[in-house]
Amino acid sequence: MKFTVIKNIQKNTPMSLILRGFLVFILLYLISDILVLKSSFGITFDAVNTALLGNEELYIDAMNEASFLEFWHTQIFFIMMILLTLSSIFIRVASRSRAIFINALMISAITSLISLALAFYFSNIFTYIYVVTYFLWHVIALYMILYALWKLNAASV
């Protein structure tokens, strides 16, 4: 995280290259996260409800608590690492509206995680909140990645 102490990261060519590469990896993670979730858990309201609560008509068992907690734990860890790192990069390259984007990103990601647990333990109505906030934080993160890449590339040209 040396980029947090460099005065002007846009002018520091080696660090700018490292950050651009890292942003591309975060972008690949976001895309693969959606694809993996689609194939294993589901990304629609019905698919998430079926994965969490099962479906008697289709003979699909509900997810057991240990599997859910393992899934939820890994989601918390990966989201935390990605968002904190992305936010620290975005703070360095963005000059205006960075607080709005970072707060919206963090709030939507935390709401996504909490609503998933609430959907599993209390009511499937929270599934709707989970799906909406899941895609919301991905869209905000995508914007932040593309903006940071643009700012880093604009400064190096």
C-alpha atoms as a PDB file:
ATOM      1  CA  MET A   1       0.000   0.000   0.000  1.00  0.00           C
ATOM      2  CA  LYS A   2       2.920   2.274  -0.735  1.00  0.00           C
ATOM      3  CA  PHE A   3       0.667   4.312  -3.028  1.00  0.00           C
ATOM      4  CA  THR A   4      -0.981   5.821   0.040  1.00  0.00           C
ATOM      5  CA  VAL A   5       2.197   7.747   0.906  1.00  0.00           C
ATOM      6  CA  ILE A   6       3.377   8.748  -2.569  1.00  0.00           C
ATOM      7  CA  LYS A   7       2.627  12.409  -3.158  1.00  0.00           C
ATOM      8  CA  ASN A   8       1.411  12.185  -6.780  1.00  0.00           C
ATOM      9  CA  ILE A   9       0.703   8.652  -7.925  1.00  0.00           C
ATOM     10  CA  GLN A  10      -0.366   9.784 -11.390  1.00  0.00           C
ATOM     11  CA  LYS A  11       3.154  11.114 -12.063  1.00  0.00           C
ATOM     12  CA  ASN A  12       4.963   8.119 -10.513  1.00  0.00           C
ATOM     13  CA  THR A  13       5.141   5.791 -13.537  1.00  0.00           C
ATOM     14  CA  PRO A  14       6.038   2.510 -11.783  1.00  0.00           C
ATOM     15  CA  MET A  15       3.352   2.944  -9.123  1.00  0.00           C
ATOM     16  CA  SER A  16       0.814   4.035 -11.721  1.00  0.00           C
ATOM     17  CA  LEU A  17       1.491   0.860 -13.707  1.00  0.00           C
ATOM     18  CA  ILE A  18       1.113  -1.287 -10.595  1.00  0.00           C
ATOM     19  CA  LEU A  19      -2.164   0.410  -9.686  1.00  0.00           C
ATOM     20  CA  ARG A  20      -3.534   0.034 -13.214  1.00  0.00           C
ATOM     21  CA  GLY A  21      -2.702  -3.663 -13.150  1.00  0.00           C
ATOM     22  CA  PHE A  22      -4.297  -4.021  -9.737  1.00  0.00           C
ATOM     23  CA  LEU A  23      -7.441  -2.241 -10.911  1.00  0.00           C
ATOM     24  CA  VAL A  24      -7.666  -4.632 -13.854  1.00  0.00           C
ATOM     25  CA  PHE A  25      -7.432  -7.559 -11.422  1.00  0.00           C
ATOM     26  CA  ILE A  26     -10.208  -6.053  -9.296  1.00  0.00           C
ATOM     27  CA  LEU A  27     -12.295  -5.673 -12.447  1.00  0.00           C
ATOM     28  CA  LEU A  28     -11.684  -9.327 -13.316  1.00  0.00           C
ATOM     29  CA  TYR A  29     -12.660 -10.290  -9.775  1.00  0.00           C
ATOM     30  CA  LEU A  30     -15.954  -8.398 -10.021  1.00  0.00           C
ATOM     31  CA  ILE A  31     -16.829 -10.068 -13.317  1.00  0.00           C
ATOM     32  CA  SER A  32     -15.864 -13.516 -12.077  1.00  0.00           C
ATOM     33  CA  ASP A  33     -17.732 -12.930  -8.811  1.00  0.00           C
ATOM     34  CA  ILE A  34     -20.981 -12.450 -10.718  1.00  0.00           C
ATOM     35  CA  LEU A  35     -20.316 -15.477 -12.936  1.00  0.00           C
ATOM     36  CA  VAL A  36     -19.392 -17.737 -10.021  1.00  0.00           C
ATOM     37  CA  LEU A  37     -22.375 -16.602  -7.994  1.00  0.00           C
ATOM     38  CA  LYS A  38     -24.657 -17.157 -10.981  1.00  0.00           C
ATOM     39  CA  SER A  39     -23.470 -20.726 -11.444  1.00  0.00           C
ATOM     40  CA  SER A  40     -23.364 -21.717  -7.771  1.00  0.00           C
ATOM     41  CA  PHE A  41     -25.846 -19.634  -5.797  1.00  0.00           C
ATOM     42  CA  GLY A  42     -27.942 -17.684  -8.250  1.00  0.00           C
ATOM     43  CA  ILE A  43     -28.286 -14.009  -9.051  1.00  0.00           C
ATOM     44  CA  THR A  44     -32.058 -13.755  -9.431  1.00  0.00           C
ATOM     45  CA  PHE A  45     -34.614 -13.529  -6.663  1.00  0.00           C
ATOM     46  CA  ASP A  46     -35.973 -17.010  -7.339  1.00  0.00           C
ATOM     47  CA  ALA A  47     -32.548 -18.625  -7.680  1.00  0.00           C
ATOM     48  CA  VAL A  48     -31.301 -17.141  -4.395  1.00  0.00           C
ATOM     49  CA  ASN A  49     -34.494 -18.167  -2.600  1.00  0.00           C
ATOM     50  CA  THR A  50     -34.165 -21.688  -3.982  1.00  0.00           C
ATOM     51  CA  ALA A  51     -30.503 -21.901  -2.963  1.00  0.00           C
ATOM     52  CA  LEU A  52     -31.208 -20.653   0.551  1.00  0.00           C
ATOM     53  CA  LEU A  53     -34.568 -22.213   1.329  1.00  0.00           C
ATOM     54  CA  GLY A  54     -34.856 -25.077  -1.143  1.00  0.00           C
ATOM     55  CA  ASN A  55     -37.797 -25.986  -3.345  1.00  0.00           C
ATOM     56  CA  GLU A  56     -39.979 -28.994  -2.582  1.00  0.00           C
ATOM     57  CA  GLU A  57     -41.510 -29.081  -6.067  1.00  0.00           C
ATOM     58  CA  LEU A  58     -38.085 -29.334  -7.687  1.00  0.00           C
ATOM     59  CA  TYR A  59     -36.691 -31.612  -4.925  1.00  0.00           C
ATOM     60  CA  ILE A  60     -33.978 -29.127  -4.004  1.00  0.00           C
ATOM     61  CA  ASP A  61     -32.878 -29.174  -0.373  1.00  0.00           C
ATOM     62  CA  ALA A  62     -32.365 -25.980   1.576  1.00  0.00           C
ATOM     63  CA  MET A  63     -28.813 -24.888   2.258  1.00  0.00           C
ATOM     64  CA  ASN A  64     -27.615 -26.050   5.651  1.00  0.00           C
ATOM     65  CA  GLU A  65     -26.391 -23.523   8.168  1.00  0.00           C
ATOM     66  CA  ALA A  66     -22.732 -24.585   8.029  1.00  0.00           C
ATOM     67  CA  SER A  67     -22.610 -24.162   4.247  1.00  0.00           C
ATOM     68  CA  PHE A  68     -24.334 -20.809   4.466  1.00  0.00           C
ATOM     69  CA  LEU A  69     -21.981 -19.516   7.155  1.00  0.00           C
ATOM     70  CA  GLU A  70     -18.941 -20.656   5.174  1.00  0.00           C
ATOM     71  CA  PHE A  71     -20.247 -18.911   2.047  1.00  0.00           C
ATOM     72  CA  TRP A  72     -21.141 -15.770   4.007  1.00  0.00           C
ATOM     73  CA  HIS A  73     -17.757 -15.713   5.759  1.00  0.00           C
ATOM     74  CA  THR A  74     -15.799 -15.868   2.509  1.00  0.00           C
ATOM     75  CA  GLN A  75     -18.027 -13.201   0.970  1.00  0.00           C
ATOM     76  CA  ILE A  76     -17.399 -10.873   3.904  1.00  0.00           C
ATOM     77  CA  PHE A  77     -13.640 -11.370   3.665  1.00  0.00           C
ATOM     78  CA  PHE A  78     -13.308 -10.930  -0.108  1.00  0.00           C
ATOM     79  CA  ILE A  79     -15.681  -7.979  -0.290  1.00  0.00           C
ATOM     80  CA  MET A  80     -13.876  -6.274   2.583  1.00  0.00           C
ATOM     81  CA  MET A  81     -10.447  -6.692   0.964  1.00  0.00           C
ATOM     82  CA  ILE A  82     -11.571  -5.603  -2.497  1.00  0.00           C
ATOM     83  CA  LEU A  83     -13.598  -2.601  -1.345  1.00  0.00           C
ATOM     84  CA  LEU A  84     -11.068  -1.240   1.110  1.00  0.00           C
ATOM     85  CA  THR A  85      -8.274  -1.454  -1.447  1.00  0.00           C
ATOM     86  CA  LEU A  86     -10.415  -0.015  -4.240  1.00  0.00           C
ATOM     87  CA  SER A  87     -11.542   2.808  -1.976  1.00  0.00           C
ATOM     88  CA  SER A  88      -7.982   3.703  -1.020  1.00  0.00           C
ATOM     89  CA  ILE A  89      -7.024   3.906  -4.706  1.00  0.00           C
ATOM     90  CA  PHE A  90     -10.144   5.894  -5.567  1.00  0.00           C
ATOM     91  CA  ILE A  91      -9.483   8.388  -2.761  1.00  0.00           C
ATOM     92  CA  ARG A  92      -6.043   9.072  -4.241  1.00  0.00           C
ATOM     93  CA  VAL A  93      -7.217   9.674  -7.829  1.00  0.00           C
ATOM     94  CA  ALA A  94     -10.655  11.257  -7.392  1.00  0.00           C
ATOM     95  CA  SER A  95     -10.959  14.856  -6.341  1.00  0.00           C
ATOM     96  CA  ARG A  96     -14.716  15.423  -6.159  1.00  0.00           C
ATOM     97  CA  SER A  97     -17.635  13.218  -5.124  1.00  0.00           C
ATOM     98  CA  ARG A  98     -15.326  10.568  -3.736  1.00  0.00           C
ATOM     99  CA  ALA A  99     -17.090  10.497  -0.365  1.00  0.00           C
ATOM    100  CA  ILE A 100     -20.454   9.939  -2.051  1.00  0.00           C
ATOM    101  CA  PHE A 101     -19.197   7.012  -4.130  1.00  0.00           C
ATOM    102  CA  ILE A 102     -17.237   5.389  -1.324  1.00  0.00           C
ATOM    103  CA  ASN A 103     -20.121   5.684   1.137  1.00  0.00           C
ATOM    104  CA  ALA A 104     -22.609   4.359  -1.415  1.00  0.00           C
ATOM    105  CA  LEU A 105     -20.255   1.479  -2.195  1.00  0.00           C
ATOM    106  CA  MET A 106     -19.698   0.525   1.432  1.00  0.00           C
ATOM    107  CA  ILE A 107     -23.336   0.913   2.471  1.00  0.00           C
ATOM    108  CA  SER A 108     -24.631  -1.138  -0.454  1.00  0.00           C
ATOM    109  CA  ALA A 109     -22.055  -3.897   0.116  1.00  0.00           C
ATOM    110  CA  ILE A 110     -22.764  -4.093   3.850  1.00  0.00           C
ATOM    111  CA  THR A 111     -26.514  -4.034   3.198  1.00  0.00           C
ATOM    112  CA  SER A 112     -26.050  -6.842   0.705  1.00  0.00           C
ATOM    113  CA  LEU A 113     -24.217  -8.999   3.227  1.00  0.00           C
ATOM    114  CA  ILE A 114     -26.620  -8.293   6.088  1.00  0.00           C
ATOM    115  CA  SER A 115     -29.725  -8.852   3.962  1.00  0.00           C
ATOM    116  CA  LEU A 116     -28.368 -12.218   2.815  1.00  0.00           C
ATOM    117  CA  ALA A 117     -28.105 -13.362   6.430  1.00  0.00           C
ATOM    118  CA  LEU A 118     -31.548 -11.955   7.208  1.00  0.00           C
ATOM    119  CA  ALA A 119     -32.976 -13.808   4.211  1.00  0.00           C
ATOM    120  CA  PHE A 120     -31.472 -17.069   5.420  1.00  0.00           C
ATOM    121  CA  TYR A 121     -32.489 -16.738   9.067  1.00  0.00           C
ATOM    122  CA  PHE A 122     -35.708 -14.704   9.019  1.00  0.00           C
ATOM    123  CA  SER A 123     -37.588 -14.023   5.795  1.00  0.00           C
ATOM    124  CA  ASN A 124     -37.136 -14.452   2.074  1.00  0.00           C
ATOM    125  CA  ILE A 125     -38.294 -10.842   1.562  1.00  0.00           C
ATOM    126  CA  PHE A 126     -34.693  -9.839   2.304  1.00  0.00           C
ATOM    127  CA  THR A 127     -33.649 -11.719  -0.833  1.00  0.00           C
ATOM    128  CA  TYR A 128     -34.926  -8.819  -2.914  1.00  0.00           C
ATOM    129  CA  ILE A 129     -32.794  -6.374  -0.950  1.00  0.00           C
ATOM    130  CA  TYR A 130     -29.803  -8.701  -1.304  1.00  0.00           C
ATOM    131  CA  VAL A 131     -30.044  -8.996  -5.091  1.00  0.00           C
ATOM    132  CA  VAL A 132     -30.558  -5.256  -5.633  1.00  0.00           C
ATOM    133  CA  THR A 133     -27.730  -4.192  -3.324  1.00  0.00           C
ATOM    134  CA  TYR A 134     -25.427  -6.919  -4.672  1.00  0.00           C
ATOM    135  CA  PHE A 135     -25.701  -5.493  -8.171  1.00  0.00           C
ATOM    136  CA  LEU A 136     -25.636  -1.922  -6.873  1.00  0.00           C
ATOM    137  CA  TRP A 137     -22.260  -2.299  -5.201  1.00  0.00           C
ATOM    138  CA  HIS A 138     -20.898  -4.062  -8.273  1.00  0.00           C
ATOM    139  CA  VAL A 139     -22.017  -1.195 -10.532  1.00  0.00           C
ATOM    140  CA  ILE A 140     -20.552   1.432  -8.192  1.00  0.00           C
ATOM    141  CA  ALA A 141     -17.275  -0.515  -7.949  1.00  0.00           C
ATOM    142  CA  LEU A 142     -17.181  -0.837 -11.742  1.00  0.00           C
ATOM    143  CA  TYR A 143     -17.571   2.929 -12.092  1.00  0.00           C
ATOM    144  CA  MET A 144     -14.847   3.562  -9.516  1.00  0.00           C
ATOM    145  CA  ILE A 145     -12.461   1.165 -11.285  1.00  0.00           C
ATOM    146  CA  LEU A 146     -13.064   2.701 -14.711  1.00  0.00           C
ATOM    147  CA  TYR A 147     -12.759   6.244 -13.333  1.00  0.00           C
ATOM    148  CA  ALA A 148      -9.500   5.426 -11.536  1.00  0.00           C
ATOM    149  CA  LEU A 149      -8.097   3.772 -14.672  1.00  0.00           C
ATOM    150  CA  TRP A 150      -9.080   6.806 -16.712  1.00  0.00           C
ATOM    151  CA  LYS A 151      -7.439   9.205 -14.249  1.00  0.00           C
ATOM    152  CA  LEU A 152      -4.259   7.115 -14.076  1.00  0.00           C
ATOM    153  CA  ASN A 153      -4.045   6.803 -17.867  1.00  0.00           C
ATOM    154  CA  ALA A 154      -4.854  10.491 -18.479  1.00  0.00           C
ATOM    155  CA  ALA A 155      -2.012  11.567 -16.208  1.00  0.00           C
ATOM    156  CA  SER A 156       0.536   9.293 -17.888  1.00  0.00           C
ATOM    157  CA  VAL A 157      -0.186  10.525 -21.421  1.00  0.00           C
END
